[in-house]
Amino acid sequence: MPFSHLLLAIAVVAVWGTNFVVIKTALHELPPLLFAALRFLLAFVPAAFFLPRPAVRLANLAGYGLLIGAGQFGLLYIAIDGHISPGLASLVIQTQVFFTIGLAMWLAREPLRAFQGVAVALAAGGLAVVGWHTDGSTTWLGLALVLGAALAWAAGNILTKRAGSINMLSYVVWSSAFAVPVLAALSLAVEGWDRVADSLAHASVAAWAAVGWQSWANTLFGYAAWSWLLSRHAAAAVTPMALLVPVFGMGASALWLGESLPGWKLLAAALVLGGLAINVLWPHVRRRWPTAA
């Protein structure tokens, strides 16, 4: 991979990782469900005018939009709004990899391989460390909400796989149209018209910039650049870079928000990242050095 492409991959994972700090900042002014609705609204408009609707079944597109919009990001925003620190959220959400494995085993009868079992066990150990150390900044509710978000993300991955060969950016943009009305209705029902109207009337430039960052940098730039890299390089060269997302997430939260990084958080991160690394890298190790199996 050329150095310029490597820098692009790092830029994408840096955006995805630091995004959790941006979420926390915006939630000081915007309630979580309203924030999610605005994020997907700006991801859909105006991009939908320039990208054709992907050739997939409407039910698949709608299902993905609901799972990722209301499921993943709705729950994630609620969690970060006082129930879990952004750094830990960036780590725990990566369990979507293992939920995806579990759903594939259940729905497609895919077998659990030995290395996947080891990866899951390590990640479960990391989650146990987080659960053991819940405090004022990280609660059991926050952990459960982020795990729910990870499960919704995993279910969305299954729908993406069933969609076949598609333009992922177009898929994400057009699926956003189905997330917006649901999130808007939930915001009005849960957060109330008065809070929604007051938040929209008094949101600062920084809050709107955070919405734009979520919609355009995190979604449009992130998916477009990642898809571009995958179209030019082997997945084995690109996908391991995603392991840096929680590294950027925890680092940014520590630097910008003053989130502490005690030993137990670093241990939890090592266990979860170790599990992710085994799941991503071990198949490539086996192909390159068969005697290592």
C-alpha atoms as a PDB file:
ATOM      1  CA  MET A   1       0.000   0.000   0.000  1.00  0.00           C
ATOM      2  CA  PRO A   2       1.493   3.399  -0.971  1.00  0.00           C
ATOM      3  CA  PHE A   3       2.264   5.747   1.898  1.00  0.00           C
ATOM      4  CA  SER A   4      -0.434   8.203   0.772  1.00  0.00           C
ATOM      5  CA  HIS A   5      -3.042   5.423   0.909  1.00  0.00           C
ATOM      6  CA  LEU A   6      -1.812   4.413   4.358  1.00  0.00           C
ATOM      7  CA  LEU A   7      -2.250   8.004   5.524  1.00  0.00           C
ATOM      8  CA  LEU A   8      -5.784   8.018   4.113  1.00  0.00           C
ATOM      9  CA  ALA A   9      -6.628   4.828   6.027  1.00  0.00           C
ATOM     10  CA  ILE A  10      -5.249   6.351   9.220  1.00  0.00           C
ATOM     11  CA  ALA A  11      -7.274   9.523   8.586  1.00  0.00           C
ATOM     12  CA  VAL A  12     -10.468   7.463   8.286  1.00  0.00           C
ATOM     13  CA  VAL A  13      -9.926   5.522  11.517  1.00  0.00           C
ATOM     14  CA  ALA A  14      -8.885   8.751  13.252  1.00  0.00           C
ATOM     15  CA  VAL A  15     -12.205  10.331  12.225  1.00  0.00           C
ATOM     16  CA  TRP A  16     -14.144   7.255  13.347  1.00  0.00           C
ATOM     17  CA  GLY A  17     -12.279   7.093  16.653  1.00  0.00           C
ATOM     18  CA  THR A  18     -12.370  10.770  17.619  1.00  0.00           C
ATOM     19  CA  ASN A  19     -16.022  10.806  16.611  1.00  0.00           C
ATOM     20  CA  PHE A  20     -16.957   9.599  20.103  1.00  0.00           C
ATOM     21  CA  VAL A  21     -15.578  12.810  21.608  1.00  0.00           C
ATOM     22  CA  VAL A  22     -17.583  14.822  19.067  1.00  0.00           C
ATOM     23  CA  ILE A  23     -20.724  12.935  20.118  1.00  0.00           C
ATOM     24  CA  LYS A  24     -20.141  13.747  23.779  1.00  0.00           C
ATOM     25  CA  THR A  25     -19.573  17.422  22.979  1.00  0.00           C
ATOM     26  CA  ALA A  26     -22.791  17.731  20.961  1.00  0.00           C
ATOM     27  CA  LEU A  27     -24.850  15.995  23.631  1.00  0.00           C
ATOM     28  CA  HIS A  28     -24.261  18.968  25.936  1.00  0.00           C
ATOM     29  CA  GLU A  29     -26.704  20.887  23.712  1.00  0.00           C
ATOM     30  CA  LEU A  30     -28.750  18.341  21.750  1.00  0.00           C
ATOM     31  CA  PRO A  31     -30.763  15.450  23.210  1.00  0.00           C
ATOM     32  CA  PRO A  32     -29.516  12.095  21.898  1.00  0.00           C
ATOM     33  CA  LEU A  33     -32.449  11.020  19.717  1.00  0.00           C
ATOM     34  CA  LEU A  34     -32.783  14.453  18.129  1.00  0.00           C
ATOM     35  CA  PHE A  35     -29.029  14.479  17.512  1.00  0.00           C
ATOM     36  CA  ALA A  36     -29.273  11.079  15.794  1.00  0.00           C
ATOM     37  CA  ALA A  37     -32.199  12.229  13.635  1.00  0.00           C
ATOM     38  CA  LEU A  38     -30.285  15.323  12.500  1.00  0.00           C
ATOM     39  CA  ARG A  39     -27.184  13.240  11.792  1.00  0.00           C
ATOM     40  CA  PHE A  40     -29.030  10.900   9.426  1.00  0.00           C
ATOM     41  CA  LEU A  41     -31.029  13.722   7.855  1.00  0.00           C
ATOM     42  CA  LEU A  42     -27.828  15.490   6.801  1.00  0.00           C
ATOM     43  CA  ALA A  43     -26.311  12.178   5.692  1.00  0.00           C
ATOM     44  CA  PHE A  44     -29.275  11.707   3.329  1.00  0.00           C
ATOM     45  CA  VAL A  45     -29.715  15.277   2.077  1.00  0.00           C
ATOM     46  CA  PRO A  46     -28.136  16.437  -0.181  1.00  0.00           C
ATOM     47  CA  ALA A  47     -26.044  13.318  -0.940  1.00  0.00           C
ATOM     48  CA  ALA A  48     -29.083  11.390  -2.210  1.00  0.00           C
ATOM     49  CA  PHE A  49     -29.375  13.858  -5.102  1.00  0.00           C
ATOM     50  CA  PHE A  50     -25.934  12.805  -6.342  1.00  0.00           C
ATOM     51  CA  LEU A  51     -25.922   9.092  -5.559  1.00  0.00           C
ATOM     52  CA  PRO A  52     -28.319   6.617  -7.212  1.00  0.00           C
ATOM     53  CA  ARG A  53     -30.404   4.379  -4.983  1.00  0.00           C
ATOM     54  CA  PRO A  54     -28.619   1.013  -4.661  1.00  0.00           C
ATOM     55  CA  ALA A  55     -30.195  -1.927  -6.450  1.00  0.00           C
ATOM     56  CA  VAL A  56     -31.314  -3.811  -3.355  1.00  0.00           C
ATOM     57  CA  ARG A  57     -34.689  -4.812  -1.981  1.00  0.00           C
ATOM     58  CA  LEU A  58     -36.473  -1.970  -0.217  1.00  0.00           C
ATOM     59  CA  ALA A  59     -36.961  -4.152   2.867  1.00  0.00           C
ATOM     60  CA  ASN A  60     -33.212  -4.705   3.089  1.00  0.00           C
ATOM     61  CA  LEU A  61     -32.472  -0.988   2.755  1.00  0.00           C
ATOM     62  CA  ALA A  62     -35.133  -0.052   5.303  1.00  0.00           C
ATOM     63  CA  GLY A  63     -33.992  -2.729   7.726  1.00  0.00           C
ATOM     64  CA  TYR A  64     -30.409  -1.505   7.572  1.00  0.00           C
ATOM     65  CA  GLY A  65     -31.496   2.088   8.114  1.00  0.00           C
ATOM     66  CA  LEU A  66     -33.555   1.197  11.172  1.00  0.00           C
ATOM     67  CA  LEU A  67     -30.896  -1.055  12.681  1.00  0.00           C
ATOM     68  CA  ILE A  68     -28.045   1.399  12.198  1.00  0.00           C
ATOM     69  CA  GLY A  69     -30.049   4.584  12.793  1.00  0.00           C
ATOM     70  CA  ALA A  70     -32.426   3.818  15.635  1.00  0.00           C
ATOM     71  CA  GLY A  71     -30.548   0.745  16.842  1.00  0.00           C
ATOM     72  CA  GLN A  72     -26.831   1.423  16.721  1.00  0.00           C
ATOM     73  CA  PHE A  73     -26.619   5.193  16.921  1.00  0.00           C
ATOM     74  CA  GLY A  74     -29.815   5.824  18.845  1.00  0.00           C
ATOM     75  CA  LEU A  75     -28.657   3.536  21.647  1.00  0.00           C
ATOM     76  CA  LEU A  76     -25.036   4.711  21.427  1.00  0.00           C
ATOM     77  CA  TYR A  77     -25.987   8.381  21.775  1.00  0.00           C
ATOM     78  CA  ILE A  78     -28.246   7.636  24.740  1.00  0.00           C
ATOM     79  CA  ALA A  79     -25.406   5.670  26.369  1.00  0.00           C
ATOM     80  CA  ILE A  80     -22.820   8.428  25.922  1.00  0.00           C
ATOM     81  CA  ASP A  81     -25.319  10.946  27.303  1.00  0.00           C
ATOM     82  CA  GLY A  82     -24.220  10.331  30.889  1.00  0.00           C
ATOM     83  CA  HIS A  83     -24.095   6.525  31.120  1.00  0.00           C
ATOM     84  CA  ILE A  84     -20.647   5.604  29.750  1.00  0.00           C
ATOM     85  CA  SER A  85     -17.482   7.502  28.903  1.00  0.00           C
ATOM     86  CA  PRO A  86     -16.769   8.098  25.202  1.00  0.00           C
ATOM     87  CA  GLY A  87     -13.455   6.241  25.365  1.00  0.00           C
ATOM     88  CA  LEU A  88     -14.981   3.073  26.754  1.00  0.00           C
ATOM     89  CA  ALA A  89     -17.914   3.366  24.345  1.00  0.00           C
ATOM     90  CA  SER A  90     -15.449   3.375  21.423  1.00  0.00           C
ATOM     91  CA  LEU A  91     -14.000   0.138  22.790  1.00  0.00           C
ATOM     92  CA  VAL A  92     -17.183  -1.731  23.758  1.00  0.00           C
ATOM     93  CA  ILE A  93     -18.939  -0.978  20.449  1.00  0.00           C
ATOM     94  CA  GLN A  94     -16.253  -3.057  18.699  1.00  0.00           C
ATOM     95  CA  THR A  95     -17.929  -6.172  20.095  1.00  0.00           C
ATOM     96  CA  GLN A  96     -20.120  -5.897  17.004  1.00  0.00           C
ATOM     97  CA  VAL A  97     -17.498  -8.144  15.397  1.00  0.00           C
ATOM     98  CA  PHE A  98     -18.333 -10.968  17.790  1.00  0.00           C
ATOM     99  CA  PHE A  99     -22.080 -10.377  17.607  1.00  0.00           C
ATOM    100  CA  THR A 100     -21.731 -10.629  13.821  1.00  0.00           C
ATOM    101  CA  ILE A 101     -19.984 -13.987  14.233  1.00  0.00           C
ATOM    102  CA  GLY A 102     -22.757 -15.176  16.544  1.00  0.00           C
ATOM    103  CA  LEU A 103     -25.534 -14.075  14.196  1.00  0.00           C
ATOM    104  CA  ALA A 104     -23.785 -15.741  11.248  1.00  0.00           C
ATOM    105  CA  MET A 105     -23.565 -18.966  13.254  1.00  0.00           C
ATOM    106  CA  TRP A 106     -27.259 -18.774  14.124  1.00  0.00           C
ATOM    107  CA  LEU A 107     -28.700 -17.625  10.798  1.00  0.00           C
ATOM    108  CA  ALA A 108     -26.282 -19.132   8.281  1.00  0.00           C
ATOM    109  CA  ARG A 109     -25.115 -22.101  10.365  1.00  0.00           C
ATOM    110  CA  GLU A 110     -21.518 -20.946  10.026  1.00  0.00           C
ATOM    111  CA  PRO A 111     -19.235 -22.939  12.355  1.00  0.00           C
ATOM    112  CA  LEU A 112     -17.273 -21.304  15.166  1.00  0.00           C
ATOM    113  CA  ARG A 113     -13.587 -21.749  14.436  1.00  0.00           C
ATOM    114  CA  ALA A 114     -11.047 -22.269  17.193  1.00  0.00           C
ATOM    115  CA  PHE A 115      -9.351 -18.891  16.716  1.00  0.00           C
ATOM    116  CA  GLN A 116     -12.753 -17.175  16.853  1.00  0.00           C
ATOM    117  CA  GLY A 117     -13.507 -18.901  20.146  1.00  0.00           C
ATOM    118  CA  VAL A 118     -10.236 -17.581  21.583  1.00  0.00           C
ATOM    119  CA  ALA A 119     -11.009 -14.089  20.238  1.00  0.00           C
ATOM    120  CA  VAL A 120     -14.493 -14.096  21.770  1.00  0.00           C
ATOM    121  CA  ALA A 121     -13.136 -15.300  25.113  1.00  0.00           C
ATOM    122  CA  LEU A 122     -10.555 -12.508  25.244  1.00  0.00           C
ATOM    123  CA  ALA A 123     -13.123  -9.856  24.355  1.00  0.00           C
ATOM    124  CA  ALA A 124     -15.559 -11.237  26.939  1.00  0.00           C
ATOM    125  CA  GLY A 125     -12.796 -10.946  29.509  1.00  0.00           C
ATOM    126  CA  GLY A 126     -12.335  -7.290  28.566  1.00  0.00           C
ATOM    127  CA  LEU A 127     -16.068  -6.635  28.978  1.00  0.00           C
ATOM    128  CA  ALA A 128     -15.993  -8.375  32.353  1.00  0.00           C
ATOM    129  CA  VAL A 129     -13.239  -5.987  33.459  1.00  0.00           C
ATOM    130  CA  VAL A 130     -15.381  -3.012  32.370  1.00  0.00           C
ATOM    131  CA  GLY A 131     -18.447  -4.410  34.148  1.00  0.00           C
ATOM    132  CA  TRP A 132     -16.456  -4.992  37.330  1.00  0.00           C
ATOM    133  CA  HIS A 133     -15.359  -1.362  37.425  1.00  0.00           C
ATOM    134  CA  THR A 134     -18.616   0.480  36.708  1.00  0.00           C
ATOM    135  CA  ASP A 135     -18.710   3.826  38.489  1.00  0.00           C
ATOM    136  CA  GLY A 136     -20.200   7.284  38.060  1.00  0.00           C
ATOM    137  CA  SER A 137     -18.840   7.686  34.523  1.00  0.00           C
ATOM    138  CA  THR A 138     -19.563   4.129  33.385  1.00  0.00           C
ATOM    139  CA  THR A 139     -22.703   2.326  34.500  1.00  0.00           C
ATOM    140  CA  TRP A 140     -24.246  -1.060  33.881  1.00  0.00           C
ATOM    141  CA  LEU A 141     -26.970   0.702  31.885  1.00  0.00           C
ATOM    142  CA  GLY A 142     -24.372   2.398  29.710  1.00  0.00           C
ATOM    143  CA  LEU A 143     -22.584  -0.900  29.110  1.00  0.00           C
ATOM    144  CA  ALA A 144     -25.886  -2.613  28.225  1.00  0.00           C
ATOM    145  CA  LEU A 145     -26.871   0.203  25.840  1.00  0.00           C
ATOM    146  CA  VAL A 146     -23.565   0.075  23.973  1.00  0.00           C
ATOM    147  CA  LEU A 147     -23.775  -3.722  23.742  1.00  0.00           C
ATOM    148  CA  GLY A 148     -27.286  -3.274  22.335  1.00  0.00           C
ATOM    149  CA  ALA A 149     -25.859  -0.808  19.813  1.00  0.00           C
ATOM    150  CA  ALA A 150     -23.168  -3.334  18.884  1.00  0.00           C
ATOM    151  CA  LEU A 151     -25.824  -6.028  18.382  1.00  0.00           C
ATOM    152  CA  ALA A 152     -27.833  -3.703  16.104  1.00  0.00           C
ATOM    153  CA  TRP A 153     -24.643  -2.947  14.136  1.00  0.00           C
ATOM    154  CA  ALA A 154     -23.984  -6.678  13.789  1.00  0.00           C
ATOM    155  CA  ALA A 155     -27.520  -7.290  12.511  1.00  0.00           C
ATOM    156  CA  GLY A 156     -26.948  -4.486  10.010  1.00  0.00           C
ATOM    157  CA  ASN A 157     -23.767  -6.268   8.882  1.00  0.00           C
ATOM    158  CA  ILE A 158     -25.817  -9.377   8.132  1.00  0.00           C
ATOM    159  CA  LEU A 159     -28.204  -7.328   5.970  1.00  0.00           C
ATOM    160  CA  THR A 160     -25.236  -5.764   4.170  1.00  0.00           C
ATOM    161  CA  LYS A 161     -23.874  -9.220   3.405  1.00  0.00           C
ATOM    162  CA  ARG A 162     -27.262 -10.298   2.039  1.00  0.00           C
ATOM    163  CA  ALA A 163     -27.422  -7.179  -0.132  1.00  0.00           C
ATOM    164  CA  GLY A 164     -24.521  -8.536  -2.188  1.00  0.00           C
ATOM    165  CA  SER A 165     -22.078  -6.414  -4.164  1.00  0.00           C
ATOM    166  CA  ILE A 166     -23.198  -2.804  -3.656  1.00  0.00           C
ATOM    167  CA  ASN A 167     -21.890   0.735  -3.496  1.00  0.00           C
ATOM    168  CA  MET A 168     -21.583   0.976   0.283  1.00  0.00           C
ATOM    169  CA  LEU A 169     -21.666   4.766   0.370  1.00  0.00           C
ATOM    170  CA  SER A 170     -24.892   4.848  -1.652  1.00  0.00           C
ATOM    171  CA  TYR A 171     -26.323   2.105   0.550  1.00  0.00           C
ATOM    172  CA  VAL A 172     -25.579   4.061   3.736  1.00  0.00           C
ATOM    173  CA  VAL A 173     -26.919   7.335   2.332  1.00  0.00           C
ATOM    174  CA  TRP A 174     -30.222   5.932   1.063  1.00  0.00           C
ATOM    175  CA  SER A 175     -30.797   3.784   4.155  1.00  0.00           C
ATOM    176  CA  SER A 176     -30.578   6.983   6.214  1.00  0.00           C
ATOM    177  CA  ALA A 177     -33.950   8.038   4.779  1.00  0.00           C
ATOM    178  CA  PHE A 178     -35.592   5.256   6.788  1.00  0.00           C
ATOM    179  CA  ALA A 179     -33.782   6.156  10.009  1.00  0.00           C
ATOM    180  CA  VAL A 180     -34.829   9.825  10.074  1.00  0.00           C
ATOM    181  CA  PRO A 181     -38.623   9.543  10.580  1.00  0.00           C
ATOM    182  CA  VAL A 182     -38.271   6.839  13.224  1.00  0.00           C
ATOM    183  CA  LEU A 183     -35.641   8.781  15.169  1.00  0.00           C
ATOM    184  CA  ALA A 184     -37.656  12.010  14.849  1.00  0.00           C
ATOM    185  CA  ALA A 185     -40.800  10.296  16.148  1.00  0.00           C
ATOM    186  CA  LEU A 186     -38.882   8.722  19.035  1.00  0.00           C
ATOM    187  CA  SER A 187     -37.317  12.092  19.868  1.00  0.00           C
ATOM    188  CA  LEU A 188     -40.715  13.793  20.048  1.00  0.00           C
ATOM    189  CA  ALA A 189     -42.210  10.940  22.078  1.00  0.00           C
ATOM    190  CA  VAL A 190     -39.324  10.526  24.545  1.00  0.00           C
ATOM    191  CA  GLU A 191     -37.604  13.905  24.660  1.00  0.00           C
ATOM    192  CA  GLY A 192     -40.718  16.019  24.079  1.00  0.00           C
ATOM    193  CA  TRP A 193     -41.540  18.875  21.725  1.00  0.00           C
ATOM    194  CA  ASP A 194     -40.492  21.572  24.185  1.00  0.00           C
ATOM    195  CA  ARG A 195     -36.980  20.155  24.605  1.00  0.00           C
ATOM    196  CA  VAL A 196     -36.622  19.506  20.876  1.00  0.00           C
ATOM    197  CA  ALA A 197     -37.748  23.019  19.931  1.00  0.00           C
ATOM    198  CA  ASP A 198     -35.578  24.654  22.599  1.00  0.00           C
ATOM    199  CA  SER A 199     -32.514  22.633  21.520  1.00  0.00           C
ATOM    200  CA  LEU A 200     -32.976  23.554  17.860  1.00  0.00           C
ATOM    201  CA  ALA A 201     -33.496  27.218  18.710  1.00  0.00           C
ATOM    202  CA  HIS A 202     -30.462  27.546  20.951  1.00  0.00           C
ATOM    203  CA  ALA A 203     -27.945  25.078  19.465  1.00  0.00           C
ATOM    204  CA  SER A 204     -24.582  26.746  18.963  1.00  0.00           C
ATOM    205  CA  VAL A 205     -22.397  26.723  15.881  1.00  0.00           C
ATOM    206  CA  ALA A 206     -20.281  24.069  17.610  1.00  0.00           C
ATOM    207  CA  ALA A 207     -23.303  21.787  18.039  1.00  0.00           C
ATOM    208  CA  TRP A 208     -24.269  22.124  14.361  1.00  0.00           C
ATOM    209  CA  ALA A 209     -20.640  21.548  13.397  1.00  0.00           C
ATOM    210  CA  ALA A 210     -20.758  18.305  15.407  1.00  0.00           C
ATOM    211  CA  VAL A 211     -23.874  17.242  13.493  1.00  0.00           C
ATOM    212  CA  GLY A 212     -22.096  18.016  10.232  1.00  0.00           C
ATOM    213  CA  TRP A 213     -19.019  16.118  11.353  1.00  0.00           C
ATOM    214  CA  GLN A 214     -21.178  13.099  12.146  1.00  0.00           C
ATOM    215  CA  SER A 215     -22.967  13.252   8.807  1.00  0.00           C
ATOM    216  CA  TRP A 216     -20.233  14.256   6.381  1.00  0.00           C
ATOM    217  CA  ALA A 217     -16.863  13.381   7.913  1.00  0.00           C
ATOM    218  CA  ASN A 218     -17.825  10.237   9.815  1.00  0.00           C
ATOM    219  CA  THR A 219     -20.365   8.892   7.292  1.00  0.00           C
ATOM    220  CA  LEU A 220     -19.718  10.280   3.806  1.00  0.00           C
ATOM    221  CA  PHE A 221     -15.945  10.750   3.922  1.00  0.00           C
ATOM    222  CA  GLY A 222     -15.384   7.673   6.085  1.00  0.00           C
ATOM    223  CA  TYR A 223     -17.362   5.216   3.977  1.00  0.00           C
ATOM    224  CA  ALA A 224     -16.287   6.731   0.646  1.00  0.00           C
ATOM    225  CA  ALA A 225     -12.581   6.614   1.530  1.00  0.00           C
ATOM    226  CA  TRP A 226     -12.790   3.155   3.102  1.00  0.00           C
ATOM    227  CA  SER A 227     -14.629   1.728   0.086  1.00  0.00           C
ATOM    228  CA  TRP A 228     -12.085   3.377  -2.223  1.00  0.00           C
ATOM    229  CA  LEU A 229      -9.214   1.744  -0.313  1.00  0.00           C
ATOM    230  CA  LEU A 230     -10.901  -1.674  -0.338  1.00  0.00           C
ATOM    231  CA  SER A 231     -11.402  -1.408  -4.106  1.00  0.00           C
ATOM    232  CA  ARG A 232      -7.659  -0.919  -4.614  1.00  0.00           C
ATOM    233  CA  HIS A 233      -6.076  -3.131  -1.968  1.00  0.00           C
ATOM    234  CA  ALA A 234      -6.639  -6.552  -0.474  1.00  0.00           C
ATOM    235  CA  ALA A 235      -8.998  -6.544   2.508  1.00  0.00           C
ATOM    236  CA  ALA A 236      -6.155  -8.032   4.568  1.00  0.00           C
ATOM    237  CA  ALA A 237      -4.181  -4.833   4.047  1.00  0.00           C
ATOM    238  CA  VAL A 238      -7.027  -2.441   4.868  1.00  0.00           C
ATOM    239  CA  THR A 239      -9.354  -3.973   7.483  1.00  0.00           C
ATOM    240  CA  PRO A 240      -6.729  -4.405  10.251  1.00  0.00           C
ATOM    241  CA  MET A 241      -6.460  -0.610  10.355  1.00  0.00           C
ATOM    242  CA  ALA A 242      -9.905  -0.542  11.980  1.00  0.00           C
ATOM    243  CA  LEU A 243      -8.237  -1.896  15.133  1.00  0.00           C
ATOM    244  CA  LEU A 244      -7.005   1.662  15.693  1.00  0.00           C
ATOM    245  CA  VAL A 245     -10.531   3.072  16.098  1.00  0.00           C
ATOM    246  CA  PRO A 246     -10.766   2.467  19.882  1.00  0.00           C
ATOM    247  CA  VAL A 247      -7.133   3.563  20.259  1.00  0.00           C
ATOM    248  CA  PHE A 248      -8.039   6.943  18.769  1.00  0.00           C
ATOM    249  CA  GLY A 249     -11.318   6.934  20.707  1.00  0.00           C
ATOM    250  CA  MET A 250      -9.754   6.355  24.111  1.00  0.00           C
ATOM    251  CA  GLY A 251      -6.784   8.616  23.374  1.00  0.00           C
ATOM    252  CA  ALA A 252      -8.960  11.506  22.183  1.00  0.00           C
ATOM    253  CA  SER A 253     -11.280  11.158  25.160  1.00  0.00           C
ATOM    254  CA  ALA A 254      -8.304  11.284  27.522  1.00  0.00           C
ATOM    255  CA  LEU A 255      -6.720  14.291  25.802  1.00  0.00           C
ATOM    256  CA  TRP A 256      -9.813  16.405  25.099  1.00  0.00           C
ATOM    257  CA  LEU A 257     -12.239  15.404  27.827  1.00  0.00           C
ATOM    258  CA  GLY A 258      -9.800  14.433  30.571  1.00  0.00           C
ATOM    259  CA  GLU A 259     -11.074  10.838  30.757  1.00  0.00           C
ATOM    260  CA  SER A 260      -8.773   8.896  33.045  1.00  0.00           C
ATOM    261  CA  LEU A 261      -6.978   5.796  31.814  1.00  0.00           C
ATOM    262  CA  PRO A 262      -6.348   3.663  34.896  1.00  0.00           C
ATOM    263  CA  GLY A 263      -4.810   0.232  34.645  1.00  0.00           C
ATOM    264  CA  TRP A 264      -8.133  -1.591  34.456  1.00  0.00           C
ATOM    265  CA  LYS A 265      -9.194   0.376  31.366  1.00  0.00           C
ATOM    266  CA  LEU A 266      -5.911  -0.405  29.664  1.00  0.00           C
ATOM    267  CA  LEU A 267      -6.330  -4.084  30.596  1.00  0.00           C
ATOM    268  CA  ALA A 268      -9.873  -4.114  29.200  1.00  0.00           C
ATOM    269  CA  ALA A 269      -8.632  -2.444  26.017  1.00  0.00           C
ATOM    270  CA  ALA A 270      -5.786  -4.960  25.676  1.00  0.00           C
ATOM    271  CA  LEU A 271      -8.188  -7.891  26.028  1.00  0.00           C
ATOM    272  CA  VAL A 272     -10.811  -6.577  23.593  1.00  0.00           C
ATOM    273  CA  LEU A 273      -8.232  -5.390  21.060  1.00  0.00           C
ATOM    274  CA  GLY A 274      -6.366  -8.673  21.441  1.00  0.00           C
ATOM    275  CA  GLY A 275      -9.541 -10.557  20.604  1.00  0.00           C
ATOM    276  CA  LEU A 276     -10.215  -8.302  17.620  1.00  0.00           C
ATOM    277  CA  ALA A 277      -6.638  -8.697  16.392  1.00  0.00           C
ATOM    278  CA  ILE A 278      -6.820 -12.494  16.556  1.00  0.00           C
ATOM    279  CA  ASN A 279     -10.140 -12.519  14.715  1.00  0.00           C
ATOM    280  CA  VAL A 280      -8.846 -10.224  11.951  1.00  0.00           C
ATOM    281  CA  LEU A 281      -5.241 -11.358  11.596  1.00  0.00           C
ATOM    282  CA  TRP A 282      -5.175 -15.087  12.356  1.00  0.00           C
ATOM    283  CA  PRO A 283      -6.704 -16.223   9.024  1.00  0.00           C
ATOM    284  CA  HIS A 284      -4.005 -14.256   7.179  1.00  0.00           C
ATOM    285  CA  VAL A 285      -1.295 -15.778   9.360  1.00  0.00           C
ATOM    286  CA  ARG A 286      -2.581 -19.267   8.537  1.00  0.00           C
ATOM    287  CA  ARG A 287      -2.585 -18.566   4.799  1.00  0.00           C
ATOM    288  CA  ARG A 288       0.928 -17.192   4.862  1.00  0.00           C
ATOM    289  CA  TRP A 289       2.405 -19.717   7.275  1.00  0.00           C
ATOM    290  CA  PRO A 290       0.251 -22.884   7.165  1.00  0.00           C
ATOM    291  CA  THR A 291       2.478 -24.639   9.703  1.00  0.00           C
ATOM    292  CA  ALA A 292       1.432 -22.016  12.314  1.00  0.00           C
ATOM    293  CA  ALA A 293      -2.057 -23.554  12.436  1.00  0.00           C
END
